[in-house]
PDB file of N, CA and C in Angstrom:
ATOM      1  N   MET A   1       3.395  32.130 101.588  1.00  0.00           N
ATOM      2  CA  MET A   1       2.328  31.409 102.234  1.00  0.00           C
ATOM      3  C   MET A   1       1.817  30.356 101.257  1.00  0.00           C
ATOM      4  N   ASN A   2       1.759  29.129 101.671  1.00  0.00           N
ATOM      5  CA  ASN A   2       1.303  28.032 100.837  1.00  0.00           C
ATOM      6  C   ASN A   2      -0.201  27.852 101.010  1.00  0.00           C
ATOM      7  N   GLN A   3      -0.960  28.067  99.952  1.00  0.00           N
ATOM      8  CA  GLN A   3      -2.410  27.969 100.024  1.00  0.00           C
ATOM      9  C   GLN A   3      -2.853  26.704  99.318  1.00  0.00           C
ATOM     10  N   THR A   4      -3.656  25.899  99.993  1.00  0.00           N
ATOM     11  CA  THR A   4      -4.112  24.642  99.441  1.00  0.00           C
ATOM     12  C   THR A   4      -5.610  24.692  99.212  1.00  0.00           C
ATOM     13  N   PRO A   5      -6.049  24.824  97.953  1.00  0.00           N
ATOM     14  CA  PRO A   5      -7.490  24.764  97.718  1.00  0.00           C
ATOM     15  C   PRO A   5      -7.998  23.354  97.969  1.00  0.00           C
ATOM     16  N   ILE A   6      -9.160  23.231  98.629  1.00  0.00           N
ATOM     17  CA  ILE A   6      -9.673  21.901  98.913  1.00  0.00           C
ATOM     18  C   ILE A   6     -10.736  21.463  97.910  1.00  0.00           C
ATOM     19  N   GLU A   7     -11.263  22.379  97.133  1.00  0.00           N
ATOM     20  CA  GLU A   7     -12.222  22.047  96.086  1.00  0.00           C
ATOM     21  C   GLU A   7     -12.394  23.291  95.237  1.00  0.00           C
ATOM     22  N   SER A   8     -12.770  23.100  94.003  1.00  0.00           N
ATOM     23  CA  SER A   8     -13.012  24.249  93.142  1.00  0.00           C
ATOM     24  C   SER A   8     -14.395  24.124  92.536  1.00  0.00           C
ATOM     25  N   ARG A   9     -15.152  25.165  92.629  1.00  0.00           N
ATOM     26  CA  ARG A   9     -16.474  25.191  92.012  1.00  0.00           C
ATOM     27  C   ARG A   9     -16.413  26.260  90.947  1.00  0.00           C
ATOM     28  N   ASN A  10     -16.732  25.882  89.742  1.00  0.00           N
ATOM     29  CA  ASN A  10     -16.511  26.740  88.599  1.00  0.00           C
ATOM     30  C   ASN A  10     -17.839  26.956  87.882  1.00  0.00           C
ATOM     31  N   GLY A  11     -18.184  28.162  87.558  1.00  0.00           N
ATOM     32  CA  GLY A  11     -19.431  28.411  86.866  1.00  0.00           C
ATOM     33  C   GLY A  11     -19.206  29.214  85.609  1.00  0.00           C
ATOM     34  N   GLY A  12     -19.943  28.914  84.579  1.00  0.00           N
ATOM     35  CA  GLY A  12     -19.817  29.638  83.325  1.00  0.00           C
ATOM     36  C   GLY A  12     -18.699  29.095  82.472  1.00  0.00           C
ATOM     37  N   GLY A  13     -18.735  29.394  81.201  1.00  0.00           N
ATOM     38  CA  GLY A  13     -17.692  28.926  80.296  1.00  0.00           C
ATOM     39  C   GLY A  13     -17.752  27.424  80.094  1.00  0.00           C
ATOM     40  N   LEU A  14     -16.766  26.894  79.414  1.00  0.00           N
ATOM     41  CA  LEU A  14     -16.723  25.469  79.140  1.00  0.00           C
ATOM     42  C   LEU A  14     -16.073  24.673  80.258  1.00  0.00           C
ATOM     43  N   ARG A  15     -15.507  25.357  81.238  1.00  0.00           N
ATOM     44  CA  ARG A  15     -14.773  24.672  82.287  1.00  0.00           C
ATOM     45  C   ARG A  15     -15.623  24.406  83.521  1.00  0.00           C
ATOM     46  N   ALA A  16     -16.934  24.462  83.393  1.00  0.00           N
ATOM     47  CA  ALA A  16     -17.802  24.248  84.549  1.00  0.00           C
ATOM     48  C   ALA A  16     -17.553  22.868  85.146  1.00  0.00           C
ATOM     49  N   VAL A  17     -17.316  22.831  86.455  1.00  0.00           N
ATOM     50  CA  VAL A  17     -16.941  21.599  87.123  1.00  0.00           C
ATOM     51  C   VAL A  17     -18.088  21.035  87.937  1.00  0.00           C
ATOM     52  N   SER A  18     -18.710  21.858  88.757  1.00  0.00           N
ATOM     53  CA  SER A  18     -19.676  21.345  89.712  1.00  0.00           C
ATOM     54  C   SER A  18     -20.742  22.382  90.024  1.00  0.00           C
ATOM     55  N   GLU A  19     -21.946  21.945  90.114  1.00  0.00           N
ATOM     56  CA  GLU A  19     -23.050  22.804  90.558  1.00  0.00           C
ATOM     57  C   GLU A  19     -23.920  21.994  91.523  1.00  0.00           C
ATOM     58  N   SER A  20     -23.317  21.391  92.515  1.00  0.00           N
ATOM     59  CA  SER A  20     -24.031  20.460  93.381  1.00  0.00           C
ATOM     60  C   SER A  20     -24.353  21.074  94.738  1.00  0.00           C
ATOM     61  N   GLY A  21     -25.554  21.574  94.895  1.00  0.00           N
ATOM     62  CA  GLY A  21     -26.043  22.023  96.181  1.00  0.00           C
ATOM     63  C   GLY A  21     -25.356  23.241  96.767  1.00  0.00           C
ATOM     64  N   PRO A  22     -25.822  23.656  97.964  1.00  0.00           N
ATOM     65  CA  PRO A  22     -25.255  24.836  98.622  1.00  0.00           C
ATOM     66  C   PRO A  22     -23.849  24.560  99.156  1.00  0.00           C
ATOM     67  N   LEU A  23     -23.098  25.611  99.325  1.00  0.00           N
ATOM     68  CA  LEU A  23     -21.745  25.493  99.866  1.00  0.00           C
ATOM     69  C   LEU A  23     -21.805  25.293 101.377  1.00  0.00           C
ATOM     70  N   PRO A  24     -20.962  24.432 101.925  1.00  0.00           N
ATOM     71  CA  PRO A  24     -20.948  24.235 103.380  1.00  0.00           C
ATOM     72  C   PRO A  24     -20.193  25.362 104.084  1.00  0.00           C
ATOM     73  N   ASP A  25     -20.503  25.578 105.351  1.00  0.00           N
ATOM     74  CA  ASP A  25     -19.738  26.524 106.159  1.00  0.00           C
ATOM     75  C   ASP A  25     -18.359  25.931 106.427  1.00  0.00           C
ATOM     76  N   LEU A  26     -17.346  26.792 106.501  1.00  0.00           N
ATOM     77  CA  LEU A  26     -15.988  26.367 106.776  1.00  0.00           C
ATOM     78  C   LEU A  26     -15.581  26.790 108.183  1.00  0.00           C
ATOM     79  N   CYS A  27     -14.464  26.252 108.640  1.00  0.00           N
ATOM     80  CA  CYS A  27     -13.855  26.667 109.902  1.00  0.00           C
ATOM     81  C   CYS A  27     -13.610  28.180 109.853  1.00  0.00           C
ATOM     82  N   HIS A  28     -13.648  28.853 110.998  1.00  0.00           N
ATOM     83  CA  HIS A  28     -13.451  30.305 110.977  1.00  0.00           C
ATOM     84  C   HIS A  28     -12.027  30.707 110.607  1.00  0.00           C
ATOM     85  N   HIS A  29     -11.114  29.756 110.483  1.00  0.00           N
ATOM     86  CA  HIS A  29      -9.754  30.034 110.019  1.00  0.00           C
ATOM     87  C   HIS A  29      -9.628  29.879 108.503  1.00  0.00           C
ATOM     88  N   ALA A  30     -10.616  29.287 107.872  1.00  0.00           N
ATOM     89  CA  ALA A  30     -10.601  29.044 106.424  1.00  0.00           C
ATOM     90  C   ALA A  30     -11.408  30.142 105.727  1.00  0.00           C
ATOM     91  N   GLU A  31     -11.382  30.142 104.396  1.00  0.00           N
ATOM     92  CA  GLU A  31     -12.155  31.148 103.659  1.00  0.00           C
ATOM     93  C   GLU A  31     -12.462  30.669 102.248  1.00  0.00           C
ATOM     94  N   TYR A  32     -13.496  31.261 101.679  1.00  0.00           N
ATOM     95  CA  TYR A  32     -13.819  31.089 100.273  1.00  0.00           C
ATOM     96  C   TYR A  32     -13.260  32.291  99.517  1.00  0.00           C
ATOM     97  N   ARG A  33     -12.720  32.036  98.327  1.00  0.00           N
ATOM     98  CA  ARG A  33     -12.225  33.116  97.469  1.00  0.00           C
ATOM     99  C   ARG A  33     -12.860  32.993  96.098  1.00  0.00           C
ATOM    100  N   ILE A  34     -13.129  34.142  95.487  1.00  0.00           N
ATOM    101  CA  ILE A  34     -13.708  34.171  94.147  1.00  0.00           C
ATOM    102  C   ILE A  34     -12.641  34.604  93.157  1.00  0.00           C
ATOM    103  N   TYR A  35     -12.583  33.875  92.039  1.00  0.00           N
ATOM    104  CA  TYR A  35     -11.646  34.151  90.945  1.00  0.00           C
ATOM    105  C   TYR A  35     -12.448  34.363  89.666  1.00  0.00           C
ATOM    106  N   VAL A  36     -12.073  35.357  88.873  1.00  0.00           N
ATOM    107  CA  VAL A  36     -12.689  35.614  87.576  1.00  0.00           C
ATOM    108  C   VAL A  36     -11.590  35.476  86.528  1.00  0.00           C
ATOM    109  N   ASN A  37     -11.811  34.580  85.578  1.00  0.00           N
ATOM    110  CA  ASN A  37     -10.810  34.264  84.553  1.00  0.00           C
ATOM    111  C   ASN A  37      -9.459  33.918  85.180  1.00  0.00           C
ATOM    112  N   GLY A  38      -9.490  33.191  86.290  1.00  0.00           N
ATOM    113  CA  GLY A  38      -8.270  32.748  86.948  1.00  0.00           C
ATOM    114  C   GLY A  38      -7.597  33.780  87.831  1.00  0.00           C
ATOM    115  N   GLN A  39      -8.115  34.998  87.881  1.00  0.00           N
ATOM    116  CA  GLN A  39      -7.536  36.068  88.693  1.00  0.00           C
ATOM    117  C   GLN A  39      -8.340  36.238  89.986  1.00  0.00           C
ATOM    118  N   TYR A  40      -7.622  36.304  91.109  1.00  0.00           N
ATOM    119  CA  TYR A  40      -8.267  36.504  92.404  1.00  0.00           C
ATOM    120  C   TYR A  40      -9.003  37.836  92.417  1.00  0.00           C
ATOM    121  N   VAL A  41     -10.260  37.815  92.899  1.00  0.00           N
ATOM    122  CA  VAL A  41     -11.065  39.034  92.956  1.00  0.00           C
ATOM    123  C   VAL A  41     -11.354  39.432  94.400  1.00  0.00           C
ATOM    124  N   VAL A  42     -11.902  38.504  95.182  1.00  0.00           N
ATOM    125  CA  VAL A  42     -12.333  38.873  96.531  1.00  0.00           C
ATOM    126  C   VAL A  42     -12.430  37.633  97.424  1.00  0.00           C
ATOM    127  N   SER A  43     -12.196  37.853  98.714  1.00  0.00           N
ATOM    128  CA  SER A  43     -12.452  36.829  99.720  1.00  0.00           C
ATOM    129  C   SER A  43     -13.869  37.058 100.223  1.00  0.00           C
ATOM    130  N   VAL A  44     -14.636  35.980 100.349  1.00  0.00           N
ATOM    131  CA  VAL A  44     -16.031  36.137 100.774  1.00  0.00           C
ATOM    132  C   VAL A  44     -16.310  35.444 102.101  1.00  0.00           C
ATOM    133  N   GLY A  45     -15.285  35.238 102.896  1.00  0.00           N
ATOM    134  CA  GLY A  45     -15.476  34.713 104.240  1.00  0.00           C
ATOM    135  C   GLY A  45     -15.620  33.203 104.295  1.00  0.00           C
ATOM    136  N   ASN A  46     -16.103  32.721 105.433  1.00  0.00           N
ATOM    137  CA  ASN A  46     -16.167  31.285 105.661  1.00  0.00           C
ATOM    138  C   ASN A  46     -17.581  30.710 105.688  1.00  0.00           C
ATOM    139  N   LEU A  47     -18.585  31.548 105.600  1.00  0.00           N
ATOM    140  CA  LEU A  47     -19.967  31.056 105.625  1.00  0.00           C
ATOM    141  C   LEU A  47     -20.434  30.700 104.217  1.00  0.00           C
ATOM    142  N   GLY A  48     -20.907  29.475 104.070  1.00  0.00           N
ATOM    143  CA  GLY A  48     -21.308  28.965 102.768  1.00  0.00           C
ATOM    144  C   GLY A  48     -22.407  29.769 102.100  1.00  0.00           C
ATOM    145  N   ARG A  49     -23.410  30.189 102.860  1.00  0.00           N
ATOM    146  CA  ARG A  49     -24.531  30.927 102.257  1.00  0.00           C
ATOM    147  C   ARG A  49     -24.073  32.287 101.731  1.00  0.00           C
ATOM    148  N   ASN A  50     -23.168  32.968 102.446  1.00  0.00           N
ATOM    149  CA  ASN A  50     -22.646  34.250 101.969  1.00  0.00           C
ATOM    150  C   ASN A  50     -21.783  34.052 100.727  1.00  0.00           C
ATOM    151  N   ALA A  51     -20.956  33.015 100.750  1.00  0.00           N
ATOM    152  CA  ALA A  51     -20.097  32.716  99.602  1.00  0.00           C
ATOM    153  C   ALA A  51     -20.939  32.369  98.379  1.00  0.00           C
ATOM    154  N   GLN A  52     -22.014  31.636  98.572  1.00  0.00           N
ATOM    155  CA  GLN A  52     -22.899  31.254  97.472  1.00  0.00           C
ATOM    156  C   GLN A  52     -23.541  32.498  96.845  1.00  0.00           C
ATOM    157  N   ARG A  53     -24.004  33.424  97.675  1.00  0.00           N
ATOM    158  CA  ARG A  53     -24.611  34.661  97.172  1.00  0.00           C
ATOM    159  C   ARG A  53     -23.606  35.487  96.385  1.00  0.00           C
ATOM    160  N   ALA A  54     -22.387  35.603  96.905  1.00  0.00           N
ATOM    161  CA  ALA A  54     -21.345  36.358  96.201  1.00  0.00           C
ATOM    162  C   ALA A  54     -20.974  35.679  94.888  1.00  0.00           C
ATOM    163  N   PHE A  55     -20.883  34.360  94.900  1.00  0.00           N
ATOM    164  CA  PHE A  55     -20.582  33.586  93.695  1.00  0.00           C
ATOM    165  C   PHE A  55     -21.639  33.834  92.617  1.00  0.00           C
ATOM    166  N   GLU A  56     -22.916  33.778  93.003  1.00  0.00           N
ATOM    167  CA  GLU A  56     -24.008  34.021  92.054  1.00  0.00           C
ATOM    168  C   GLU A  56     -23.985  35.457  91.540  1.00  0.00           C
ATOM    169  N   PHE A  57     -23.660  36.416  92.409  1.00  0.00           N
ATOM    170  CA  PHE A  57     -23.548  37.818  92.006  1.00  0.00           C
ATOM    171  C   PHE A  57     -22.483  37.976  90.929  1.00  0.00           C
ATOM    172  N   TYR A  58     -21.288  37.412  91.160  1.00  0.00           N
ATOM    173  CA  TYR A  58     -20.209  37.540  90.179  1.00  0.00           C
ATOM    174  C   TYR A  58     -20.529  36.810  88.888  1.00  0.00           C
ATOM    175  N   GLN A  59     -21.281  35.713  88.948  1.00  0.00           N
ATOM    176  CA  GLN A  59     -21.703  35.028  87.728  1.00  0.00           C
ATOM    177  C   GLN A  59     -22.610  35.932  86.900  1.00  0.00           C
ATOM    178  N   ARG A  60     -23.520  36.650  87.570  1.00  0.00           N
ATOM    179  CA  ARG A  60     -24.425  37.559  86.849  1.00  0.00           C
ATOM    180  C   ARG A  60     -23.671  38.758  86.284  1.00  0.00           C
ATOM    181  N   ARG A  61     -22.781  39.323  87.079  1.00  0.00           N
ATOM    182  CA  ARG A  61     -22.081  40.547  86.672  1.00  0.00           C
ATOM    183  C   ARG A  61     -20.984  40.308  85.643  1.00  0.00           C
ATOM    184  N   ARG A  62     -20.410  39.135  85.611  1.00  0.00           N
ATOM    185  CA  ARG A  62     -19.293  38.822  84.722  1.00  0.00           C
ATOM    186  C   ARG A  62     -19.701  37.788  83.677  1.00  0.00           C
ATOM    187  N   ARG A  63     -20.804  38.033  83.016  1.00  0.00           N
ATOM    188  CA  ARG A  63     -21.295  37.106  81.988  1.00  0.00           C
ATOM    189  C   ARG A  63     -20.230  36.879  80.922  1.00  0.00           C
ATOM    190  N   GLY A  64     -20.111  35.615  80.495  1.00  0.00           N
ATOM    191  CA  GLY A  64     -19.143  35.279  79.464  1.00  0.00           C
ATOM    192  C   GLY A  64     -17.738  35.063  79.987  1.00  0.00           C
ATOM    193  N   LYS A  65     -17.552  35.220  81.299  1.00  0.00           N
ATOM    194  CA  LYS A  65     -16.236  35.002  81.891  1.00  0.00           C
ATOM    195  C   LYS A  65     -16.316  33.817  82.851  1.00  0.00           C
ATOM    196  N   SER A  66     -15.198  33.174  83.057  1.00  0.00           N
ATOM    197  CA  SER A  66     -15.131  32.048  83.979  1.00  0.00           C
ATOM    198  C   SER A  66     -15.094  32.569  85.414  1.00  0.00           C
ATOM    199  N   VAL A  67     -16.084  32.174  86.222  1.00  0.00           N
ATOM    200  CA  VAL A  67     -16.137  32.578  87.628  1.00  0.00           C
ATOM    201  C   VAL A  67     -15.992  31.323  88.474  1.00  0.00           C
ATOM    202  N   GLU A  68     -15.020  31.326  89.384  1.00  0.00           N
ATOM    203  CA  GLU A  68     -14.755  30.178  90.246  1.00  0.00           C
ATOM    204  C   GLU A  68     -14.813  30.590  91.702  1.00  0.00           C
ATOM    205  N   ILE A  69     -15.219  29.652  92.539  1.00  0.00           N
ATOM    206  CA  ILE A  69     -15.129  29.860  93.982  1.00  0.00           C
ATOM    207  C   ILE A  69     -14.266  28.729  94.522  1.00  0.00           C
ATOM    208  N   ARG A  70     -13.240  29.107  95.294  1.00  0.00           N
ATOM    209  CA  ARG A  70     -12.297  28.125  95.819  1.00  0.00           C
ATOM    210  C   ARG A  70     -12.200  28.271  97.330  1.00  0.00           C
ATOM    211  N   PRO A  71     -12.515  27.210  98.050  1.00  0.00           N
ATOM    212  CA  PRO A  71     -12.313  27.266  99.499  1.00  0.00           C
ATOM    213  C   PRO A  71     -10.862  26.975  99.839  1.00  0.00           C
ATOM    214  N   LEU A  72     -10.301  27.731 100.764  1.00  0.00           N
ATOM    215  CA  LEU A  72      -8.947  27.491 101.246  1.00  0.00           C
ATOM    216  C   LEU A  72      -9.028  26.848 102.620  1.00  0.00           C
ATOM    217  N   ALA A  73      -8.279  25.791 102.792  1.00  0.00           N
ATOM    218  CA  ALA A  73      -8.327  24.996 104.024  1.00  0.00           C
ATOM    219  C   ALA A  73      -7.759  25.754 105.224  1.00  0.00           C
ATOM    220  N   CYS A  74      -8.182  25.342 106.387  1.00  0.00           N
ATOM    221  CA  CYS A  74      -7.671  25.884 107.650  1.00  0.00           C
ATOM    222  C   CYS A  74      -6.207  25.486 107.800  1.00  0.00           C
ATOM    223  N   LYS A  75      -5.368  26.436 108.197  1.00  0.00           N
ATOM    224  CA  LYS A  75      -3.930  26.193 108.365  1.00  0.00           C
ATOM    225  C   LYS A  75      -3.521  26.084 109.841  1.00  0.00           C
ATOM    226  N   VAL A  76      -4.476  26.148 110.748  1.00  0.00           N
ATOM    227  CA  VAL A  76      -4.166  26.133 112.172  1.00  0.00           C
ATOM    228  C   VAL A  76      -3.926  24.692 112.629  1.00  0.00           C
ATOM    229  N   PRO A  77      -2.732  24.403 113.149  1.00  0.00           N
ATOM    230  CA  PRO A  77      -2.453  23.048 113.623  1.00  0.00           C
ATOM    231  C   PRO A  77      -3.364  22.676 114.790  1.00  0.00           C
ATOM    232  N   GLY A  78      -3.903  21.482 114.738  1.00  0.00           N
ATOM    233  CA  GLY A  78      -4.750  20.998 115.825  1.00  0.00           C
ATOM    234  C   GLY A  78      -6.182  21.483 115.788  1.00  0.00           C
ATOM    235  N   CYS A  79      -6.572  22.196 114.756  1.00  0.00           N
ATOM    236  CA  CYS A  79      -7.960  22.669 114.650  1.00  0.00           C
ATOM    237  C   CYS A  79      -8.854  21.463 114.374  1.00  0.00           C
ATOM    238  N   THR A  80      -9.868  21.302 115.181  1.00  0.00           N
ATOM    239  CA  THR A  80     -10.764  20.140 115.046  1.00  0.00           C
ATOM    240  C   THR A  80     -12.180  20.571 114.680  1.00  0.00           C
ATOM    241  N   TRP A  81     -12.324  21.746 114.069  1.00  0.00           N
ATOM    242  CA  TRP A  81     -13.640  22.240 113.707  1.00  0.00           C
ATOM    243  C   TRP A  81     -14.331  21.253 112.790  1.00  0.00           C
ATOM    244  N   GLY A  82     -15.564  20.902 113.082  1.00  0.00           N
ATOM    245  CA  GLY A  82     -16.352  20.021 112.221  1.00  0.00           C
ATOM    246  C   GLY A  82     -15.974  18.555 112.303  1.00  0.00           C
ATOM    247  N   GLN A  83     -15.144  18.156 113.251  1.00  0.00           N
ATOM    248  CA  GLN A  83     -14.733  16.767 113.361  1.00  0.00           C
ATOM    249  C   GLN A  83     -15.320  16.099 114.593  1.00  0.00           C
ATOM    250  N   SER A  84     -16.558  16.417 114.957  1.00  0.00           N
ATOM    251  CA  SER A  84     -17.142  15.791 116.127  1.00  0.00           C
ATOM    252  C   SER A  84     -18.226  14.822 115.762  1.00  0.00           C
TER     253      SER A  84
END
Protein backbone atom coordinates (compact mmCIF):
# COMPACT_ATOMS: atom_id res chain seq x y z
CA MET A 1 0.00 0.00 0.00
CA ASN A 2 1.48 3.34 -1.03
CA GLN A 3 0.97 5.95 1.68
CA THR A 4 1.46 9.61 0.83
CA PRO A 5 1.87 11.97 3.77
CA ILE A 6 0.47 15.39 2.91
CA GLU A 7 2.18 17.31 5.71
CA SER A 8 4.28 16.57 8.74
CA ARG A 9 3.98 18.31 12.06
CA ASN A 10 6.88 17.60 14.33
CA GLY A 11 7.21 18.52 17.99
CA GLY A 12 10.15 18.30 20.33
CA GLY A 13 13.80 17.77 19.55
CA LEU A 14 15.76 19.81 17.05
CA ARG A 15 13.65 18.72 14.10
CA ALA A 16 10.58 20.78 15.01
CA VAL A 17 8.92 21.85 11.78
CA SER A 18 5.63 23.55 12.49
CA GLU A 19 3.45 24.62 15.37
CA SER A 20 0.88 26.66 13.47
CA GLY A 21 -2.66 26.52 14.82
CA PRO A 22 -5.10 23.63 15.26
CA LEU A 23 -5.14 20.66 12.92
CA PRO A 24 -7.92 20.64 10.29
CA ASP A 25 -10.44 17.81 9.99
CA LEU A 26 -9.69 15.36 7.18
CA CYS A 27 -11.90 13.35 4.84
CA HIS A 28 -13.34 10.27 6.57
CA HIS A 29 -11.14 8.12 4.29
CA ALA A 30 -7.95 9.84 5.50
CA GLU A 31 -6.26 9.66 8.91
CA TYR A 32 -3.69 11.21 11.19
CA ARG A 33 -0.88 8.99 12.48
CA ILE A 34 1.52 9.60 15.35
CA TYR A 35 5.19 8.62 15.13
CA VAL A 36 7.71 8.64 18.00
CA ASN A 37 11.37 8.75 16.96
CA GLY A 38 10.27 7.89 13.41
CA GLN A 39 8.38 4.75 14.48
CA TYR A 40 4.62 4.47 13.91
CA VAL A 41 2.74 4.40 17.22
CA VAL A 42 -0.97 4.94 16.67
CA SER A 43 -3.64 6.14 14.26
CA VAL A 44 -5.73 8.90 15.79
CA GLY A 45 -8.52 9.17 13.24
CA ASN A 46 -9.52 11.99 10.93
CA LEU A 47 -10.75 14.69 13.31
CA GLY A 48 -8.24 17.46 13.86
CA ARG A 49 -9.19 18.22 17.47
CA ASN A 50 -8.81 14.55 18.50
CA ALA A 51 -5.50 14.27 16.66
CA GLN A 52 -4.25 17.47 18.33
CA ARG A 53 -5.11 16.13 21.81
CA ALA A 54 -3.37 12.82 21.11
CA PHE A 55 -0.34 14.66 19.69
CA GLU A 56 -0.07 16.81 22.83
CA PHE A 57 -0.48 13.71 25.04
CA TYR A 58 2.41 11.92 23.30
CA GLN A 59 4.56 15.05 23.53
CA ARG A 60 4.03 15.10 27.31
CA ARG A 61 4.52 11.36 27.78
CA ARG A 62 7.56 11.01 25.51
CA ARG A 63 9.68 13.94 26.69
CA GLY A 64 13.05 14.15 24.98
CA LYS A 65 11.85 12.13 22.00
CA SER A 66 10.77 13.32 18.57
CA VAL A 67 6.97 13.17 18.27
CA GLU A 68 5.41 13.70 14.83
CA ILE A 69 1.87 13.74 13.52
CA ARG A 70 1.43 12.92 9.85
CA PRO A 71 -1.84 13.12 7.97
CA LEU A 72 -2.34 10.51 5.25
CA ALA A 73 -4.29 11.60 2.20
CA CYS A 74 -7.56 10.08 1.04
CA LYS A 75 -6.99 7.28 -1.49
CA VAL A 76 -10.58 7.02 -2.75
CA PRO A 77 -10.83 7.98 -6.43
CA GLY A 78 -13.33 10.76 -7.05
CA CYS A 79 -13.62 11.80 -3.40
CA THR A 80 -14.54 15.49 -3.35
CA TRP A 81 -14.63 16.01 0.42
CA GLY A 82 -13.83 19.63 1.29
CA GLN A 83 -13.81 20.81 -2.33
CA SER A 84 -17.04 22.81 -2.37
